[in-house]
Amino acid sequence: GIDGTLKDRMKVGKAYKNVTAKTGTITGISCLAGYVQTSDNHILAFAIMNQNTLSASKARKLQDMICEELAK
């Protein structure tokens, strides 16, 4: 989360600089998929898709919160 479409996301916390991911959006859908390095140096793959359940900004916040939990 340090450049590209993630440059303004996950700027603090355990997810900062530990998430490598690709975003994807189309009408009503917001996705984030990639890898997260945990605090004990495991690499986890993840994919998150929010469809017609949250606004785009709320979906991004939820995705960031999930990445933060995965990075612990």
C-alpha atoms as a PDB file:
ATOM      1  CA  GLY A   1       0.000   0.000   0.000  1.00  0.00           C
ATOM      2  CA  ILE A   2       2.646   2.592  -0.901  1.00  0.00           C
ATOM      3  CA  ASP A   3       1.970   3.439  -4.547  1.00  0.00           C
ATOM      4  CA  GLY A   4      -0.572   3.097  -7.323  1.00  0.00           C
ATOM      5  CA  THR A   5      -4.215   2.787  -6.309  1.00  0.00           C
ATOM      6  CA  LEU A   6      -3.200   1.870  -2.746  1.00  0.00           C
ATOM      7  CA  LYS A   7      -1.028   4.942  -2.147  1.00  0.00           C
ATOM      8  CA  ASP A   8      -3.689   6.640  -0.007  1.00  0.00           C
ATOM      9  CA  ARG A   9      -4.719   3.484   1.846  1.00  0.00           C
ATOM     10  CA  MET A  10      -3.280   1.542   4.799  1.00  0.00           C
ATOM     11  CA  LYS A  11      -0.809   4.302   5.702  1.00  0.00           C
ATOM     12  CA  VAL A  12      -0.511   3.266   9.355  1.00  0.00           C
ATOM     13  CA  GLY A  13      -0.706   0.080  11.367  1.00  0.00           C
ATOM     14  CA  LYS A  14       0.544  -3.419  10.673  1.00  0.00           C
ATOM     15  CA  ALA A  15      -0.776  -3.445   7.092  1.00  0.00           C
ATOM     16  CA  TYR A  16       1.446  -0.477   6.142  1.00  0.00           C
ATOM     17  CA  LYS A  17       4.103  -1.685   3.659  1.00  0.00           C
ATOM     18  CA  ASN A  18       3.043  -5.304   4.290  1.00  0.00           C
ATOM     19  CA  VAL A  19       0.255  -5.513   1.703  1.00  0.00           C
ATOM     20  CA  THR A  20       0.863  -6.021  -2.007  1.00  0.00           C
ATOM     21  CA  ALA A  21      -2.458  -5.979  -3.811  1.00  0.00           C
ATOM     22  CA  LYS A  22      -4.485  -5.055  -6.862  1.00  0.00           C
ATOM     23  CA  THR A  23      -7.724  -3.138  -6.688  1.00  0.00           C
ATOM     24  CA  GLY A  24     -10.646  -3.572  -9.022  1.00  0.00           C
ATOM     25  CA  THR A  25     -13.926  -1.694  -9.308  1.00  0.00           C
ATOM     26  CA  ILE A  26     -16.953  -1.694 -11.544  1.00  0.00           C
ATOM     27  CA  THR A  27     -20.414  -0.352 -10.822  1.00  0.00           C
ATOM     28  CA  GLY A  28     -21.540  -1.726  -7.474  1.00  0.00           C
ATOM     29  CA  ILE A  29     -18.429  -3.872  -6.936  1.00  0.00           C
ATOM     30  CA  SER A  30     -15.166  -3.156  -5.117  1.00  0.00           C
ATOM     31  CA  CYS A  31     -12.404  -5.768  -4.943  1.00  0.00           C
ATOM     32  CA  LEU A  32      -8.969  -6.127  -3.413  1.00  0.00           C
ATOM     33  CA  ALA A  33      -6.742  -9.167  -3.933  1.00  0.00           C
ATOM     34  CA  GLY A  34      -3.124  -9.806  -3.128  1.00  0.00           C
ATOM     35  CA  TYR A  35      -0.686 -10.823  -0.439  1.00  0.00           C
ATOM     36  CA  VAL A  36      -0.053  -9.714   3.120  1.00  0.00           C
ATOM     37  CA  GLN A  37       3.030 -10.401   5.215  1.00  0.00           C
ATOM     38  CA  THR A  38       2.104 -11.170   8.820  1.00  0.00           C
ATOM     39  CA  SER A  39       4.020  -9.987  11.873  1.00  0.00           C
ATOM     40  CA  ASP A  40       5.540 -13.484  12.165  1.00  0.00           C
ATOM     41  CA  ASN A  41       6.676 -13.331   8.500  1.00  0.00           C
ATOM     42  CA  HIS A  42       4.072 -15.635   6.972  1.00  0.00           C
ATOM     43  CA  ILE A  43       2.721 -14.660   3.548  1.00  0.00           C
ATOM     44  CA  LEU A  44      -1.055 -14.917   3.166  1.00  0.00           C
ATOM     45  CA  ALA A  45      -2.970 -14.680  -0.106  1.00  0.00           C
ATOM     46  CA  PHE A  46      -6.384 -13.011   0.025  1.00  0.00           C
ATOM     47  CA  ALA A  47      -9.247 -11.856  -2.176  1.00  0.00           C
ATOM     48  CA  ILE A  48     -12.076  -9.602  -0.994  1.00  0.00           C
ATOM     49  CA  MET A  49     -15.128  -8.711  -3.084  1.00  0.00           C
ATOM     50  CA  ASN A  50     -17.868  -6.365  -1.915  1.00  0.00           C
ATOM     51  CA  GLN A  51     -20.890  -6.390  -4.220  1.00  0.00           C
ATOM     52  CA  ASN A  52     -23.913  -4.119  -3.775  1.00  0.00           C
ATOM     53  CA  THR A  53     -23.582  -4.144   0.025  1.00  0.00           C
ATOM     54  CA  LEU A  54     -21.603  -1.011   0.880  1.00  0.00           C
ATOM     55  CA  SER A  55     -20.725   2.296  -0.697  1.00  0.00           C
ATOM     56  CA  ALA A  56     -17.345   2.224  -2.457  1.00  0.00           C
ATOM     57  CA  SER A  57     -15.669   4.215   0.332  1.00  0.00           C
ATOM     58  CA  LYS A  58     -17.098   1.952   3.058  1.00  0.00           C
ATOM     59  CA  ALA A  59     -16.065  -1.131   1.075  1.00  0.00           C
ATOM     60  CA  ARG A  60     -12.490   0.177   0.853  1.00  0.00           C
ATOM     61  CA  LYS A  61     -12.436   0.885   4.599  1.00  0.00           C
ATOM     62  CA  LEU A  62     -13.662  -2.652   5.302  1.00  0.00           C
ATOM     63  CA  GLN A  63     -11.024  -4.106   2.966  1.00  0.00           C
ATOM     64  CA  ASP A  64      -8.330  -2.095   4.761  1.00  0.00           C
ATOM     65  CA  MET A  65      -9.575  -3.321   8.151  1.00  0.00           C
ATOM     66  CA  ILE A  66      -9.446  -6.928   6.955  1.00  0.00           C
ATOM     67  CA  CYS A  67      -5.876  -6.441   5.715  1.00  0.00           C
ATOM     68  CA  GLU A  68      -4.938  -4.933   9.070  1.00  0.00           C
ATOM     69  CA  GLU A  69      -6.298  -8.013  10.862  1.00  0.00           C
ATOM     70  CA  LEU A  70      -4.502 -10.368   8.471  1.00  0.00           C
ATOM     71  CA  ALA A  71      -1.206  -8.547   9.048  1.00  0.00           C
ATOM     72  CA  LYS A  72      -1.289  -9.160  12.817  1.00  0.00           C
END
